Amino acid sequence: MSVAIGAAVAVLTGVGAGVGIGFATGKATEAIARQPEAAGQIRSSLIVGCALAEATAIYGFITALVLIFLQ
């Protein structure tokens, strides 16, 4: 039972990643609307930030799988 609870908590990292990516995308859209000439630089920074946020969600998912299958 405690393994299932631990796996559920580990998967919740996906919620934080989703909120973070959504917030970053909204701010990047606002920044591009204000300064269209800087769109390329803003977009590249957004992609790096989203990749780092998504990596956190993947780590949580892997942790959940390890808890379930190796326990």
N, C-alpha and C. Protein backbone atom coordinates (compact mmCIF):
# COMPACT_ATOMS: atom_id res chain seq x y z
N MET A 1 0.82 -1.19 0.00
CA MET A 1 0.00 0.00 0.00
C MET A 1 0.87 1.26 0.00
N SER A 2 1.92 1.28 0.79
CA SER A 2 2.78 2.47 0.85
C SER A 2 3.54 2.67 -0.45
N VAL A 3 3.79 1.57 -1.20
CA VAL A 3 4.46 1.70 -2.49
C VAL A 3 3.56 2.46 -3.46
N ALA A 4 2.27 2.16 -3.45
CA ALA A 4 1.33 2.84 -4.34
C ALA A 4 1.23 4.32 -3.99
N ILE A 5 1.24 4.65 -2.72
CA ILE A 5 1.17 6.05 -2.31
C ILE A 5 2.45 6.78 -2.74
N GLY A 6 3.59 6.13 -2.55
CA GLY A 6 4.85 6.74 -2.96
C GLY A 6 4.92 6.96 -4.47
N ALA A 7 4.41 5.99 -5.23
CA ALA A 7 4.39 6.13 -6.69
C ALA A 7 3.46 7.27 -7.11
N ALA A 8 2.32 7.38 -6.44
CA ALA A 8 1.38 8.47 -6.76
C ALA A 8 2.00 9.83 -6.48
N VAL A 9 2.71 9.95 -5.39
CA VAL A 9 3.37 11.22 -5.06
C VAL A 9 4.46 11.52 -6.09
N ALA A 10 5.18 10.50 -6.53
CA ALA A 10 6.24 10.71 -7.52
C ALA A 10 5.66 11.16 -8.85
N VAL A 11 4.50 10.65 -9.23
CA VAL A 11 3.89 11.02 -10.50
C VAL A 11 3.33 12.45 -10.45
N LEU A 12 3.06 12.96 -9.27
CA LEU A 12 2.54 14.31 -9.14
C LEU A 12 3.52 15.38 -9.62
N THR A 13 4.77 15.00 -9.84
CA THR A 13 5.72 15.96 -10.39
C THR A 13 5.29 16.42 -11.78
N GLY A 14 4.51 15.60 -12.46
CA GLY A 14 4.00 15.98 -13.78
C GLY A 14 3.07 17.17 -13.70
N VAL A 15 2.35 17.32 -12.62
CA VAL A 15 1.45 18.47 -12.44
C VAL A 15 2.27 19.75 -12.35
N GLY A 16 3.32 19.71 -11.56
CA GLY A 16 4.18 20.89 -11.43
C GLY A 16 4.85 21.25 -12.74
N ALA A 17 5.27 20.24 -13.48
CA ALA A 17 5.90 20.50 -14.78
C ALA A 17 4.90 21.11 -15.75
N GLY A 18 3.68 20.63 -15.74
CA GLY A 18 2.65 21.18 -16.62
C GLY A 18 2.34 22.62 -16.31
N VAL A 19 2.23 22.93 -15.03
CA VAL A 19 1.97 24.32 -14.62
C VAL A 19 3.15 25.21 -14.99
N GLY A 20 4.35 24.73 -14.76
CA GLY A 20 5.54 25.53 -15.08
C GLY A 20 5.68 25.78 -16.57
N ILE A 21 5.43 24.77 -17.39
CA ILE A 21 5.54 24.94 -18.83
C ILE A 21 4.45 25.90 -19.33
N GLY A 22 3.26 25.77 -18.79
CA GLY A 22 2.18 26.68 -19.18
C GLY A 22 2.49 28.13 -18.82
N PHE A 23 3.01 28.33 -17.63
CA PHE A 23 3.38 29.68 -17.19
C PHE A 23 4.48 30.26 -18.08
N ALA A 24 5.50 29.44 -18.36
CA ALA A 24 6.62 29.90 -19.19
C ALA A 24 6.16 30.22 -20.61
N THR A 25 5.27 29.41 -21.15
CA THR A 25 4.77 29.66 -22.50
C THR A 25 3.96 30.96 -22.56
N GLY A 26 3.16 31.19 -21.55
CA GLY A 26 2.40 32.43 -21.51
C GLY A 26 3.29 33.66 -21.43
N LYS A 27 4.31 33.59 -20.61
CA LYS A 27 5.23 34.72 -20.47
C LYS A 27 6.04 34.93 -21.76
N ALA A 28 6.42 33.83 -22.41
CA ALA A 28 7.16 33.95 -23.67
C ALA A 28 6.29 34.57 -24.75
N THR A 29 5.01 34.20 -24.78
CA THR A 29 4.09 34.79 -25.75
C THR A 29 3.94 36.29 -25.51
N GLU A 30 3.84 36.69 -24.25
CA GLU A 30 3.76 38.11 -23.93
C GLU A 30 5.04 38.85 -24.34
N ALA A 31 6.18 38.21 -24.10
CA ALA A 31 7.45 38.84 -24.45
C ALA A 31 7.59 39.01 -25.96
N ILE A 32 7.17 38.00 -26.72
CA ILE A 32 7.25 38.10 -28.18
C ILE A 32 6.29 39.16 -28.69
N ALA A 33 5.12 39.28 -28.05
CA ALA A 33 4.17 40.31 -28.47
C ALA A 33 4.72 41.71 -28.22
N ARG A 34 5.50 41.86 -27.16
CA ARG A 34 6.06 43.18 -26.85
C ARG A 34 7.28 43.50 -27.69
N GLN A 35 8.11 42.48 -27.96
CA GLN A 35 9.33 42.69 -28.75
C GLN A 35 9.44 41.60 -29.82
N PRO A 36 8.77 41.77 -30.94
CA PRO A 36 8.79 40.73 -31.99
C PRO A 36 10.19 40.48 -32.57
N GLU A 37 11.05 41.48 -32.51
CA GLU A 37 12.40 41.30 -33.08
C GLU A 37 13.25 40.36 -32.25
N ALA A 38 12.88 40.11 -31.01
CA ALA A 38 13.64 39.20 -30.14
C ALA A 38 13.00 37.81 -30.08
N ALA A 39 12.12 37.50 -31.01
CA ALA A 39 11.37 36.24 -30.97
C ALA A 39 12.28 35.01 -31.00
N GLY A 40 13.32 35.05 -31.80
CA GLY A 40 14.22 33.89 -31.90
C GLY A 40 14.92 33.58 -30.60
N GLN A 41 15.41 34.60 -29.94
CA GLN A 41 16.13 34.41 -28.68
C GLN A 41 15.17 33.97 -27.57
N ILE A 42 13.97 34.55 -27.56
CA ILE A 42 12.97 34.17 -26.56
C ILE A 42 12.55 32.72 -26.76
N ARG A 43 12.33 32.35 -28.03
CA ARG A 43 11.90 30.99 -28.33
C ARG A 43 12.95 29.95 -27.91
N SER A 44 14.21 30.24 -28.16
CA SER A 44 15.25 29.27 -27.78
C SER A 44 15.34 29.14 -26.26
N SER A 45 15.21 30.23 -25.55
CA SER A 45 15.21 30.15 -24.09
C SER A 45 14.00 29.39 -23.58
N LEU A 46 12.85 29.59 -24.22
CA LEU A 46 11.64 28.87 -23.83
C LEU A 46 11.81 27.37 -24.02
N ILE A 47 12.39 26.96 -25.12
CA ILE A 47 12.56 25.53 -25.38
C ILE A 47 13.49 24.89 -24.36
N VAL A 48 14.57 25.57 -24.01
CA VAL A 48 15.49 25.03 -22.99
C VAL A 48 14.78 24.91 -21.64
N GLY A 49 14.03 25.94 -21.27
CA GLY A 49 13.31 25.92 -20.00
C GLY A 49 12.24 24.83 -19.96
N CYS A 50 11.52 24.65 -21.06
CA CYS A 50 10.49 23.60 -21.11
C CYS A 50 11.13 22.22 -21.04
N ALA A 51 12.27 22.05 -21.67
CA ALA A 51 12.95 20.76 -21.62
C ALA A 51 13.38 20.43 -20.19
N LEU A 52 13.87 21.42 -19.47
CA LEU A 52 14.27 21.19 -18.08
C LEU A 52 13.07 20.87 -17.20
N ALA A 53 11.96 21.56 -17.42
CA ALA A 53 10.75 21.29 -16.64
C ALA A 53 10.20 19.91 -16.95
N GLU A 54 10.24 19.52 -18.21
CA GLU A 54 9.74 18.20 -18.60
C GLU A 54 10.64 17.10 -18.06
N ALA A 55 11.93 17.37 -17.95
CA ALA A 55 12.85 16.38 -17.38
C ALA A 55 12.47 16.05 -15.94
N THR A 56 12.02 17.05 -15.21
CA THR A 56 11.58 16.81 -13.83
C THR A 56 10.40 15.85 -13.80
N ALA A 57 9.46 16.03 -14.71
CA ALA A 57 8.30 15.14 -14.78
C ALA A 57 8.73 13.72 -15.16
N ILE A 58 9.68 13.61 -16.06
CA ILE A 58 10.15 12.28 -16.46
C ILE A 58 10.86 11.59 -15.30
N TYR A 59 11.65 12.33 -14.52
CA TYR A 59 12.29 11.75 -13.35
C TYR A 59 11.26 11.22 -12.36
N GLY A 60 10.20 11.96 -12.15
CA GLY A 60 9.14 11.50 -11.26
C GLY A 60 8.46 10.25 -11.77
N PHE A 61 8.23 10.20 -13.08
CA PHE A 61 7.60 9.02 -13.68
C PHE A 61 8.51 7.79 -13.56
N ILE A 62 9.79 7.97 -13.81
CA ILE A 62 10.75 6.87 -13.68
C ILE A 62 10.80 6.39 -12.23
N THR A 63 10.80 7.33 -11.31
CA THR A 63 10.81 6.96 -9.89
C THR A 63 9.58 6.15 -9.53
N ALA A 64 8.42 6.54 -10.05
CA ALA A 64 7.20 5.80 -9.79
C ALA A 64 7.27 4.39 -10.36
N LEU A 65 7.80 4.25 -11.57
CA LEU A 65 7.95 2.92 -12.17
C LEU A 65 8.90 2.05 -11.37
N VAL A 66 9.99 2.63 -10.92
CA VAL A 66 10.95 1.87 -10.11
C VAL A 66 10.30 1.42 -8.81
N LEU A 67 9.54 2.30 -8.18
CA LEU A 67 8.86 1.93 -6.92
C LEU A 67 7.87 0.79 -7.14
N ILE A 68 7.16 0.84 -8.24
CA ILE A 68 6.14 -0.19 -8.48
C ILE A 68 6.75 -1.53 -8.86
N PHE A 69 7.68 -1.51 -9.81
CA PHE A 69 8.16 -2.78 -10.37
C PHE A 69 9.33 -3.39 -9.63
N LEU A 70 10.08 -2.62 -8.90
CA LEU A 70 11.24 -3.18 -8.19
C LEU A 70 11.00 -3.36 -6.71
N GLN A 71 9.79 -3.21 -6.27
CA GLN A 71 9.48 -3.34 -4.86
C GLN A 71 8.93 -4.70 -4.55
